[in-house]
Amino acid sequence: MARLRTAAGPAHARIQGAGAYRPSRVVTNDEICARIDSSDEWIRRRSGIVTRHFAGSDETVVMMGTEAARKALAQAGTDPGDVGLVLLATTSFLEQVPPAAPRIAHLLGTQAAAMDVGAACSGFSYGLALAGSVVRSGEARFVVVIGSERMSDIVDPADRGSAFLFGDGAGAVVVGPSDTPGLGPVVWASDGVQHRVIAHDRSWLDTRDGSGPWPTLTMAGPEVFRWATRTVPEISRQALDAAGLDVADLAAFIPHQANARIVDSVARSLGLAPHTVVARDVVRAGNTSAASVPLAMDALLAQGGLSRGDPALLVGFGAGLTCAAQVVALP
C-alpha cells in the first residue's frame, strides 16, 4: 500500500523580527469630544486613552499592513522570496472578496500562500499560533503575521460608548525556524454564546437597498470588562503552565490593548513581578483591535530595557468572543 510523504520541519520556531506602522494623524480626546457628550478627563478615567491615530485616505488596511510587514522582514533579515505564508488579522477590512492578505503578499514581493484571519482582537494571537505550527511542520520556512486595522471606518464617531476607544494602525512579525524554543504552546478558546456583546449594530444586508445606515461596531462595555478580567488571567496562567514558566519569569506582559483599566486589572490579578514590563500602548494608540498586540510589542522593544530572547506573555481577547494566550521569546 502506498504511503503518503509528509513535510518535515524544524523542532522549534520563534519571532525573528517585528515592525509597526502608525498613521501620521494623532487625534486627541478633545477632538473626539467634539462629537460626543464627554470630556478628556472622563475618557482618561474610563480608558486611560489620551490619543489615538486615525488613518488618512491613502493609509488603507493593505498599505499599513504592508509597511509594518516590510519593517518586520528587514529586522528579521528575511528575504520576501523565502516567505511561505502571509497571515493578515483584521476586523476592519471592508471587502469580503477578495481577501487582503494576497494583496499584501504581492506588494511584499512574494507569491506565498496568503489568507485573512477573522478572530477580531484575538486575530494576531491566533495568527501567531498558526504561524508557529506551520513553521514547525515544515510547510513554510518563514511566515509573516500581520494585524492591520482602520477602526475609524467601522466605529460611529458620535457613539459615546465606543468612539473614544478605537484607533488605526498595523503591526507585524516574522516567524521562522529556531534552534531553541521561541513560541510556547497556545491556550485559546471561544464563547459564542456572548457573540452579541461586541458586534455590528446591523447587518450589511440592511444597507443593500441604499436606505439603511452604515453598520458600526457596538460594545456592551460592562459585560466585556467582566468577561475579560475573569478570562484573561485564567488563560494567561494556563499559558504559563504550558510553557513551563512561573509568572516571575516574565520579562514583559503584552495583552490586547482594550483599555488601561482591563490591562491594569489583569496585571494585578496575575501578580506580576516588579521587573515585568507591562505594555500600555493603549494610552497613545487607543484600541487597535488585531493590531494592538504587535504594536504594543514594537513600542516596548523601541523603549529599550528588554533583550532578545526575554520571555513575554502575549494575550489577545475580543469579539466572538475569542481569546488566546502564548508565551514567546522576544525578537
Protein backbone atom coordinates (compact mmCIF):
# COMPACT_ATOMS: atom_id res chain seq x y z
CA MET A 1 0.00 0.00 0.00
CA ALA A 2 1.35 3.45 -0.96
CA ARG A 3 2.27 5.74 1.92
CA LEU A 4 1.95 9.49 1.91
CA ARG A 5 5.02 11.62 2.38
CA THR A 6 4.74 14.38 4.97
CA ALA A 7 6.73 17.56 5.40
CA ALA A 8 9.49 17.63 8.00
CA GLY A 9 10.23 20.90 9.73
CA PRO A 10 12.44 22.32 12.47
CA ALA A 11 11.90 21.41 16.09
CA HIS A 12 11.25 24.99 17.12
CA ALA A 13 10.01 28.33 15.84
CA ARG A 14 10.40 31.89 17.09
CA ILE A 15 9.64 35.51 16.23
CA GLN A 16 12.58 36.70 14.14
CA GLY A 17 11.60 40.36 13.69
CA ALA A 18 8.84 42.87 14.36
CA GLY A 19 7.61 46.05 12.71
CA ALA A 20 4.85 48.64 13.04
CA TYR A 21 3.06 51.37 11.14
CA ARG A 22 1.26 54.23 12.87
CA PRO A 23 -0.75 56.75 10.84
CA SER A 24 0.64 60.28 11.00
CA ARG A 25 -2.57 61.91 12.21
CA VAL A 26 -2.80 61.98 16.01
CA VAL A 27 -6.30 62.52 17.42
CA THR A 28 -6.72 63.93 20.91
CA ASN A 29 -9.56 63.32 23.34
CA ASP A 30 -10.72 66.90 22.85
CA GLU A 31 -11.24 66.25 19.15
CA ILE A 32 -13.27 63.13 19.93
CA CYS A 33 -15.34 65.03 22.49
CA ALA A 34 -16.47 67.49 19.83
CA ARG A 35 -18.78 64.70 18.58
CA ILE A 36 -19.84 63.08 21.86
CA ASP A 37 -21.08 64.22 25.26
CA SER A 38 -17.86 63.59 27.14
CA SER A 39 -14.59 65.15 28.33
CA ASP A 40 -10.87 64.48 28.25
CA GLU A 41 -10.95 63.73 31.99
CA TRP A 42 -13.80 61.20 31.63
CA ILE A 43 -12.09 59.37 28.75
CA ARG A 44 -8.79 59.16 30.63
CA ARG A 45 -10.52 57.89 33.76
CA ARG A 46 -12.60 55.27 31.93
CA SER A 47 -9.99 54.01 29.48
CA GLY A 48 -6.58 55.58 30.12
CA ILE A 49 -6.53 56.74 26.50
CA VAL A 50 -5.00 60.15 25.76
CA THR A 51 -4.54 59.97 21.98
CA ARG A 52 -5.09 57.62 19.08
CA HIS A 53 -4.09 57.60 15.40
CA PHE A 54 -6.58 57.90 12.53
CA ALA A 55 -5.59 56.74 9.05
CA GLY A 56 -5.69 59.09 6.07
CA SER A 57 -7.36 58.23 2.79
CA ASP A 58 -4.21 56.56 1.45
CA GLU A 59 -3.47 54.65 4.65
CA THR A 60 -5.51 51.55 3.91
CA VAL A 61 -5.53 48.23 5.76
CA VAL A 62 -3.40 46.84 2.92
CA MET A 63 -0.95 49.76 2.82
CA MET A 64 -0.43 49.87 6.60
CA GLY A 65 -0.09 46.09 6.85
CA THR A 66 2.44 46.05 4.03
CA GLU A 67 4.61 48.75 5.63
CA ALA A 68 4.58 47.01 9.02
CA ALA A 69 5.50 43.70 7.37
CA ARG A 70 8.35 45.28 5.41
CA LYS A 71 9.86 46.59 8.64
CA ALA A 72 9.48 43.18 10.30
CA LEU A 73 11.17 41.46 7.35
CA ALA A 74 14.00 43.98 7.43
CA GLN A 75 14.55 43.49 11.15
CA ALA A 76 14.50 39.72 10.71
CA GLY A 77 16.86 39.88 7.75
CA THR A 78 14.41 37.73 5.79
CA ASP A 79 14.04 37.95 2.02
CA PRO A 80 10.37 38.13 0.94
CA GLY A 81 11.09 35.33 -1.51
CA ASP A 82 11.70 33.00 1.44
CA VAL A 83 8.25 33.67 2.95
CA GLY A 84 5.89 30.73 2.56
CA LEU A 85 2.74 32.19 4.15
CA VAL A 86 1.27 35.62 4.88
CA LEU A 87 -1.44 35.84 7.54
CA LEU A 88 -3.41 39.06 7.97
CA ALA A 89 -5.56 39.55 11.06
CA THR A 90 -8.12 42.31 10.56
CA THR A 91 -11.57 43.30 11.74
CA SER A 92 -12.00 46.42 9.65
CA PHE A 93 -11.20 45.40 6.08
CA LEU A 94 -14.42 46.21 4.25
CA GLU A 95 -14.13 43.77 1.34
CA GLN A 96 -15.03 40.16 1.96
CA VAL A 97 -13.84 39.11 -1.50
CA PRO A 98 -11.05 39.13 -2.40
CA PRO A 99 -9.16 38.92 0.91
CA ALA A 100 -6.49 41.49 1.69
CA ALA A 101 -3.60 39.17 2.52
CA PRO A 102 -2.78 38.18 -1.10
CA ARG A 103 -2.51 41.88 -1.99
CA ILE A 104 -0.06 42.41 0.85
CA ALA A 105 1.94 39.37 -0.26
CA HIS A 106 2.15 40.80 -3.78
CA LEU A 107 3.32 44.19 -2.50
CA LEU A 108 5.94 42.47 -0.37
CA GLY A 109 7.27 40.72 -3.47
CA THR A 110 6.17 37.16 -2.79
CA GLN A 111 3.67 34.71 -4.24
CA ALA A 112 3.41 32.91 -0.92
CA ALA A 113 0.14 31.48 0.32
CA ALA A 114 -1.89 34.24 1.94
CA MET A 115 -5.13 34.50 3.86
CA ASP A 116 -7.07 36.75 6.21
CA VAL A 117 -7.71 35.65 9.79
CA GLY A 118 -11.05 36.72 11.25
CA ALA A 119 -10.79 36.49 15.03
CA ALA A 120 -11.26 40.20 15.86
CA CYS A 121 -9.00 41.46 18.65
CA SER A 122 -7.59 37.93 19.09
CA GLY A 123 -6.71 37.70 15.41
CA PHE A 124 -2.99 38.41 15.70
CA SER A 125 -2.61 35.93 18.57
CA TYR A 126 -4.48 33.27 16.56
CA GLY A 127 -2.29 34.01 13.53
CA LEU A 128 0.90 33.77 15.59
CA ALA A 129 -0.11 30.37 16.93
CA LEU A 130 -0.88 29.15 13.41
CA ALA A 131 2.43 30.51 12.13
CA GLY A 132 4.41 28.58 14.71
CA SER A 133 2.65 25.36 13.79
CA VAL A 134 3.19 25.92 10.06
CA VAL A 135 6.93 26.57 10.52
CA ARG A 136 7.42 23.55 12.77
CA SER A 137 5.50 21.35 10.33
CA GLY A 138 7.86 22.32 7.51
CA GLU A 139 5.00 23.66 5.35
CA ALA A 140 6.67 27.10 5.29
CA ARG A 141 10.11 28.26 6.41
CA PHE A 142 9.03 31.80 7.23
CA VAL A 143 5.56 33.18 7.98
CA VAL A 144 4.60 36.84 8.14
CA VAL A 145 1.84 37.58 10.67
CA ILE A 146 0.17 40.99 10.45
CA GLY A 147 -2.51 42.83 12.38
CA SER A 148 -3.83 45.84 10.44
CA GLU A 149 -6.88 47.95 11.29
CA ARG A 150 -8.79 51.06 10.21
CA MET A 151 -11.21 51.02 13.13
CA SER A 152 -12.21 54.59 12.30
CA ASP A 153 -14.10 53.11 9.32
CA ILE A 154 -16.38 50.92 11.41
CA VAL A 155 -16.98 52.96 14.57
CA ASP A 156 -19.71 55.59 14.84
CA PRO A 157 -17.89 58.86 15.72
CA ALA A 158 -21.00 60.00 17.61
CA ASP A 159 -21.32 56.86 19.76
CA ARG A 160 -20.40 57.90 23.29
CA GLY A 161 -19.77 54.29 24.29
CA SER A 162 -17.16 53.44 21.66
CA ALA A 163 -15.98 56.48 19.65
CA PHE A 164 -13.20 57.33 22.11
CA LEU A 165 -11.80 53.81 22.33
CA PHE A 166 -10.54 52.91 18.90
CA GLY A 167 -7.61 53.84 16.69
CA ASP A 168 -5.87 52.75 13.49
CA GLY A 169 -2.51 51.16 12.73
CA ALA A 170 -0.66 47.96 11.89
CA GLY A 171 1.94 45.67 13.42
CA ALA A 172 3.69 42.59 12.08
CA VAL A 173 6.16 39.86 12.95
CA VAL A 174 8.17 37.29 11.03
CA VAL A 175 8.10 33.75 12.42
CA GLY A 176 10.87 31.37 11.39
CA PRO A 177 12.87 28.31 12.46
CA SER A 178 14.86 28.27 15.69
CA ASP A 179 17.36 26.00 17.42
CA THR A 180 15.67 26.68 20.75
CA PRO A 181 12.01 27.07 21.78
CA GLY A 182 10.68 30.54 20.96
CA LEU A 183 6.91 30.06 20.94
CA GLY A 184 5.21 28.36 23.85
CA PRO A 185 2.01 26.34 23.46
CA VAL A 186 -1.06 28.46 22.75
CA VAL A 187 -4.08 28.38 25.03
CA TRP A 188 -7.14 29.56 23.12
CA ALA A 189 -10.91 29.39 23.35
CA SER A 190 -14.17 30.99 22.30
CA ASP A 191 -17.55 31.76 23.85
CA GLY A 192 -20.06 32.12 21.05
CA VAL A 193 -22.94 32.44 23.49
CA GLN A 194 -21.80 36.02 24.09
CA HIS A 195 -21.26 36.87 20.42
CA ARG A 196 -23.50 39.96 20.58
CA VAL A 197 -21.59 41.85 23.30
CA ILE A 198 -19.13 43.14 20.65
CA ALA A 199 -20.80 43.24 17.26
CA HIS A 200 -22.03 45.36 14.37
CA ASP A 201 -25.31 47.06 15.21
CA ARG A 202 -26.92 45.77 12.00
CA SER A 203 -26.24 43.52 9.03
CA TRP A 204 -24.63 44.75 5.83
CA LEU A 205 -27.72 43.34 4.11
CA ASP A 206 -29.69 46.16 5.72
CA THR A 207 -27.79 48.64 3.55
CA ARG A 208 -28.21 46.81 0.25
CA ASP A 209 -31.10 48.94 -1.00
CA GLY A 210 -29.30 52.13 -0.03
CA SER A 211 -31.74 53.11 2.70
CA GLY A 212 -30.14 51.65 5.80
CA PRO A 213 -27.43 53.41 7.82
CA TRP A 214 -23.81 52.25 7.73
CA PRO A 215 -23.27 49.32 10.15
CA THR A 216 -20.99 50.27 13.03
CA LEU A 217 -19.33 48.43 15.89
CA THR A 218 -21.10 48.42 19.25
CA MET A 219 -19.93 47.06 22.57
CA ALA A 220 -21.55 46.23 25.89
CA GLY A 221 -18.73 47.68 27.96
CA PRO A 222 -19.55 46.31 31.45
CA GLU A 223 -20.12 42.79 30.13
CA VAL A 224 -16.87 42.86 28.17
CA PHE A 225 -14.96 44.17 31.19
CA ARG A 226 -16.28 41.39 33.44
CA TRP A 227 -15.53 38.69 30.87
CA ALA A 228 -12.02 39.97 30.10
CA THR A 229 -10.93 40.45 33.71
CA ARG A 230 -12.09 36.92 34.52
CA THR A 231 -10.94 35.10 31.37
CA VAL A 232 -7.59 36.74 30.58
CA PRO A 233 -5.89 35.90 33.91
CA GLU A 234 -7.22 32.36 33.62
CA ILE A 235 -5.84 31.63 30.15
CA SER A 236 -2.64 33.53 30.99
CA ARG A 237 -1.90 31.19 33.87
CA GLN A 238 -2.66 28.21 31.65
CA ALA A 239 -0.26 29.50 29.00
CA LEU A 240 2.48 29.96 31.61
CA ASP A 241 1.91 26.42 32.89
CA ALA A 242 2.01 25.07 29.33
CA ALA A 243 5.31 26.87 28.72
CA GLY A 244 6.77 25.57 31.99
CA LEU A 245 7.29 29.07 33.42
CA ASP A 246 6.27 30.95 36.54
CA VAL A 247 4.77 34.41 36.44
CA ALA A 248 8.00 35.74 37.99
CA ASP A 249 9.91 34.55 34.90
CA LEU A 250 8.15 37.05 32.63
CA ALA A 251 10.14 40.00 31.34
CA ALA A 252 7.06 41.53 29.70
CA PHE A 253 3.28 41.26 29.67
CA ILE A 254 1.74 42.32 26.35
CA PRO A 255 -2.05 41.95 26.35
CA HIS A 256 -4.53 43.26 23.80
CA GLN A 257 -4.80 46.99 24.44
CA ALA A 258 -8.56 47.11 25.03
CA ASN A 259 -8.30 49.81 27.67
CA ALA A 260 -5.94 50.62 30.51
CA ARG A 261 -8.40 49.53 33.21
CA ILE A 262 -8.51 45.99 31.83
CA VAL A 263 -4.73 45.88 31.38
CA ASP A 264 -4.11 47.04 34.95
CA SER A 265 -6.77 44.75 36.43
CA VAL A 266 -5.33 41.69 34.72
CA ALA A 267 -1.77 42.64 35.70
CA ARG A 268 -2.84 42.87 39.35
CA SER A 269 -4.71 39.58 39.17
CA LEU A 270 -1.67 37.78 37.76
CA GLY A 271 0.60 39.17 40.49
CA LEU A 272 3.32 40.21 38.08
CA ALA A 273 6.81 40.72 39.46
CA PRO A 274 8.13 44.30 39.81
CA HIS A 275 10.61 43.73 36.98
CA THR A 276 7.92 42.65 34.48
CA VAL A 277 7.25 45.41 31.96
CA VAL A 278 3.54 45.88 31.21
CA ALA A 279 2.57 47.17 27.76
CA ARG A 280 0.33 50.25 27.94
CA ASP A 281 0.41 51.37 24.32
CA VAL A 282 -3.34 51.96 24.62
CA VAL A 283 -2.59 55.33 26.24
CA ARG A 284 -1.29 56.80 22.99
CA ALA A 285 -2.73 54.43 20.38
CA GLY A 286 -6.17 53.51 21.68
CA ASN A 287 -7.70 50.12 20.97
CA THR A 288 -6.41 48.97 17.58
CA SER A 289 -8.09 45.54 17.70
CA ALA A 290 -5.99 42.90 15.87
CA ALA A 291 -3.08 45.35 15.52
CA SER A 292 -2.76 46.14 19.22
CA VAL A 293 -0.52 43.29 20.38
CA PRO A 294 2.19 43.70 17.70
CA LEU A 295 2.00 47.50 18.00
CA ALA A 296 2.46 47.24 21.77
CA MET A 297 5.33 44.79 21.34
CA ASP A 298 7.07 47.10 18.89
CA ALA A 299 6.66 50.03 21.30
CA LEU A 300 8.20 48.09 24.20
CA LEU A 301 11.13 46.95 22.09
CA ALA A 302 11.74 50.53 20.94
CA GLN A 303 11.85 51.75 24.56
CA GLY A 304 14.83 49.53 25.35
CA GLY A 305 15.41 47.59 28.53
CA LEU A 306 14.28 44.27 27.05
CA SER A 307 16.65 41.79 25.40
CA ARG A 308 16.30 39.33 22.57
CA GLY A 309 15.01 36.05 23.94
CA ASP A 310 13.31 37.57 27.00
CA PRO A 311 10.04 35.75 27.76
CA ALA A 312 6.86 37.74 27.17
CA LEU A 313 3.23 36.75 27.65
CA LEU A 314 1.01 37.78 24.73
CA VAL A 315 -2.77 37.72 25.14
CA GLY A 316 -5.49 38.53 22.62
CA PHE A 317 -9.18 38.76 23.53
CA GLY A 318 -12.27 40.28 22.00
CA ALA A 319 -15.29 39.86 19.74
CA GLY A 320 -16.59 36.40 19.13
CA LEU A 321 -15.94 36.11 21.99
CA THR A 322 -12.41 34.82 21.40
CA CYS A 323 -9.19 34.68 23.39
CA ALA A 324 -5.65 33.32 23.07
CA ALA A 325 -2.55 33.41 25.29
CA GLN A 326 1.01 32.36 24.47
CA VAL A 327 4.45 32.88 25.98
CA VAL A 328 7.05 33.91 23.38
CA ALA A 329 10.73 34.79 23.25
CA LEU A 330 11.04 38.42 22.18
CA PRO A 331 12.82 39.14 18.88
